Amino acid sequence: MKYIRRPEGESKISAVFWRFIEPFSQYATTLQAMEKLVVLGICAWNAVLLPTDKRQKLMDEVMQNVLGQAGEESRGDLNYILTSLLKRKEQFFADDRRDIVSYRLEDIDANYHLSMVSTLLDVPRE
């Protein structure tokens, strides 16, 4: 894999992503909860970039995996969060076509630091 530094003037994907998940971040009061929110956010972010049929398949897989860990009683909350994030991406961040390919979340001095790797903004999708 070849890494290319972010072009000058292009926004940091981590800064954009923080704004994306912001409505839900107040509920993530532990590192573990924030980690789950980041993962759900990445799934929703990247899903919007997919064709509709592949998007639904990814969301179904996310629901199955998360419900397998969290339990069936979490279905309503999880569905609400994922649906809200999908809509939020389409409504407020539709022009940002970067795929998020990896991340690192750290708890530093009671603040979270998020590092992300993404594709470039101007790379056409297949």
Protein backbone atom coordinates (compact mmCIF):
# COMPACT_ATOMS: atom_id res chain seq x y z
CA MET A 1 0.00 0.00 0.00
CA LYS A 2 1.28 3.43 -0.88
CA TYR A 3 0.62 6.34 1.48
CA ILE A 4 0.30 9.86 0.16
CA ARG A 5 0.21 12.86 2.46
CA ARG A 6 -2.91 14.97 2.45
CA PRO A 7 -2.68 17.64 -0.24
CA GLU A 8 -2.27 21.16 1.05
CA GLY A 9 -5.63 22.80 1.65
CA GLU A 10 -7.56 19.53 1.89
CA SER A 11 -9.43 19.07 5.17
CA LYS A 12 -8.29 16.40 7.60
CA ILE A 13 -10.68 13.49 7.43
CA SER A 14 -10.52 13.09 11.21
CA ALA A 15 -11.70 16.69 11.74
CA VAL A 16 -14.55 16.22 9.28
CA PHE A 17 -15.44 12.89 10.89
CA TRP A 18 -15.62 14.43 14.39
CA ARG A 19 -18.23 16.85 13.05
CA PHE A 20 -20.04 13.94 11.42
CA ILE A 21 -20.46 11.92 14.65
CA GLU A 22 -20.85 14.99 16.90
CA PRO A 23 -24.61 14.56 17.61
CA PHE A 24 -23.88 11.17 19.20
CA SER A 25 -20.53 11.84 20.85
CA GLN A 26 -22.07 13.15 24.08
CA TYR A 27 -23.44 9.65 24.74
CA ALA A 28 -20.05 7.98 24.30
CA THR A 29 -18.75 8.57 27.81
CA THR A 30 -16.06 5.88 27.84
CA LEU A 31 -13.25 4.98 25.47
CA GLN A 32 -15.05 1.72 24.65
CA ALA A 33 -18.29 3.56 23.82
CA MET A 34 -16.42 6.11 21.69
CA GLU A 35 -14.65 3.29 19.88
CA LYS A 36 -18.02 1.72 19.03
CA LEU A 37 -19.38 5.07 17.83
CA VAL A 38 -16.33 5.61 15.61
CA VAL A 39 -16.69 2.14 14.09
CA LEU A 40 -20.41 2.64 13.44
CA GLY A 41 -19.65 6.07 11.98
CA ILE A 42 -17.01 4.67 9.64
CA CYS A 43 -19.40 1.94 8.48
CA ALA A 44 -22.14 4.50 7.77
CA TRP A 45 -19.70 6.96 6.14
CA ASN A 46 -18.27 4.35 3.79
CA ALA A 47 -21.67 2.74 3.11
CA VAL A 48 -23.03 5.97 1.63
CA LEU A 49 -20.24 5.83 -0.93
CA LEU A 50 -21.39 2.41 -2.16
CA PRO A 51 -24.09 1.56 -4.71
CA THR A 52 -27.46 1.06 -3.00
CA ASP A 53 -27.44 -2.77 -3.15
CA LYS A 54 -23.97 -3.01 -1.64
CA ARG A 55 -24.83 -0.35 0.95
CA GLN A 56 -27.73 -2.41 2.28
CA LYS A 57 -25.59 -5.55 2.40
CA LEU A 58 -22.94 -3.74 4.45
CA MET A 59 -25.55 -2.30 6.84
CA ASP A 60 -27.11 -5.75 7.29
CA GLU A 61 -23.68 -7.20 8.12
CA VAL A 62 -22.98 -4.39 10.60
CA MET A 63 -26.33 -4.97 12.31
CA GLN A 64 -25.68 -8.72 12.57
CA ASN A 65 -22.16 -8.28 13.93
CA VAL A 66 -23.05 -5.61 16.47
CA LEU A 67 -26.22 -7.36 17.61
CA GLY A 68 -24.18 -10.54 18.06
CA GLN A 69 -22.04 -8.65 20.58
CA ALA A 70 -24.58 -6.26 22.12
CA GLY A 71 -27.71 -8.41 22.09
CA GLU A 72 -31.04 -8.23 20.33
CA GLU A 73 -32.37 -5.65 22.82
CA SER A 74 -30.04 -3.10 21.22
CA ARG A 75 -31.62 -3.43 17.76
CA GLY A 76 -33.76 -0.28 17.98
CA ASP A 77 -30.94 1.94 19.24
CA LEU A 78 -28.48 0.57 16.72
CA ASN A 79 -30.90 0.98 13.84
CA TYR A 80 -31.61 4.58 14.90
CA ILE A 81 -27.90 5.46 15.14
CA LEU A 82 -27.01 3.87 11.79
CA THR A 83 -30.00 5.38 9.99
CA SER A 84 -29.26 8.81 11.46
CA LEU A 85 -25.60 8.62 10.48
CA LEU A 86 -26.45 7.53 6.93
CA LYS A 87 -28.86 10.45 6.54
CA ARG A 88 -26.38 12.85 8.13
CA LYS A 89 -23.64 11.78 5.69
CA GLU A 90 -25.97 12.24 2.73
CA GLN A 91 -27.32 15.58 3.94
CA PHE A 92 -24.24 17.37 5.29
CA PHE A 93 -21.17 15.51 4.01
CA ALA A 94 -22.24 14.23 0.58
CA ASP A 95 -19.47 16.10 -1.23
CA ASP A 96 -16.77 14.35 0.78
CA ARG A 97 -16.25 11.15 -1.21
CA ARG A 98 -13.23 9.86 0.71
CA ASP A 99 -13.30 6.28 1.96
CA ILE A 100 -12.02 5.88 5.49
CA VAL A 101 -9.59 2.96 5.40
CA SER A 102 -8.19 2.90 8.93
CA TYR A 103 -8.25 4.77 12.21
CA ARG A 104 -6.67 4.97 15.63
CA LEU A 105 -8.50 6.33 18.67
CA GLU A 106 -6.57 7.26 21.79
CA ASP A 107 -7.63 8.63 25.16
CA ILE A 108 -5.05 11.31 25.97
CA ASP A 109 -5.43 13.38 29.13
CA ALA A 110 -9.22 12.90 29.24
CA ASN A 111 -9.55 13.90 25.55
CA TYR A 112 -9.90 11.66 22.55
CA HIS A 113 -7.43 11.87 19.71
CA LEU A 114 -8.51 10.38 16.40
CA SER A 115 -6.11 9.63 13.56
CA MET A 116 -7.51 8.45 10.25
CA VAL A 117 -6.29 7.30 6.87
CA SER A 118 -8.54 7.87 3.88
CA THR A 119 -8.50 7.94 0.14
CA LEU A 120 -8.00 11.33 -1.52
CA LEU A 121 -10.91 13.62 -2.29
CA ASP A 122 -10.37 13.73 -6.03
CA VAL A 123 -9.93 10.00 -6.66
CA PRO A 124 -12.79 8.72 -8.86
CA ARG A 125 -14.72 5.69 -7.61
CA GLU A 126 -15.44 2.65 -9.75
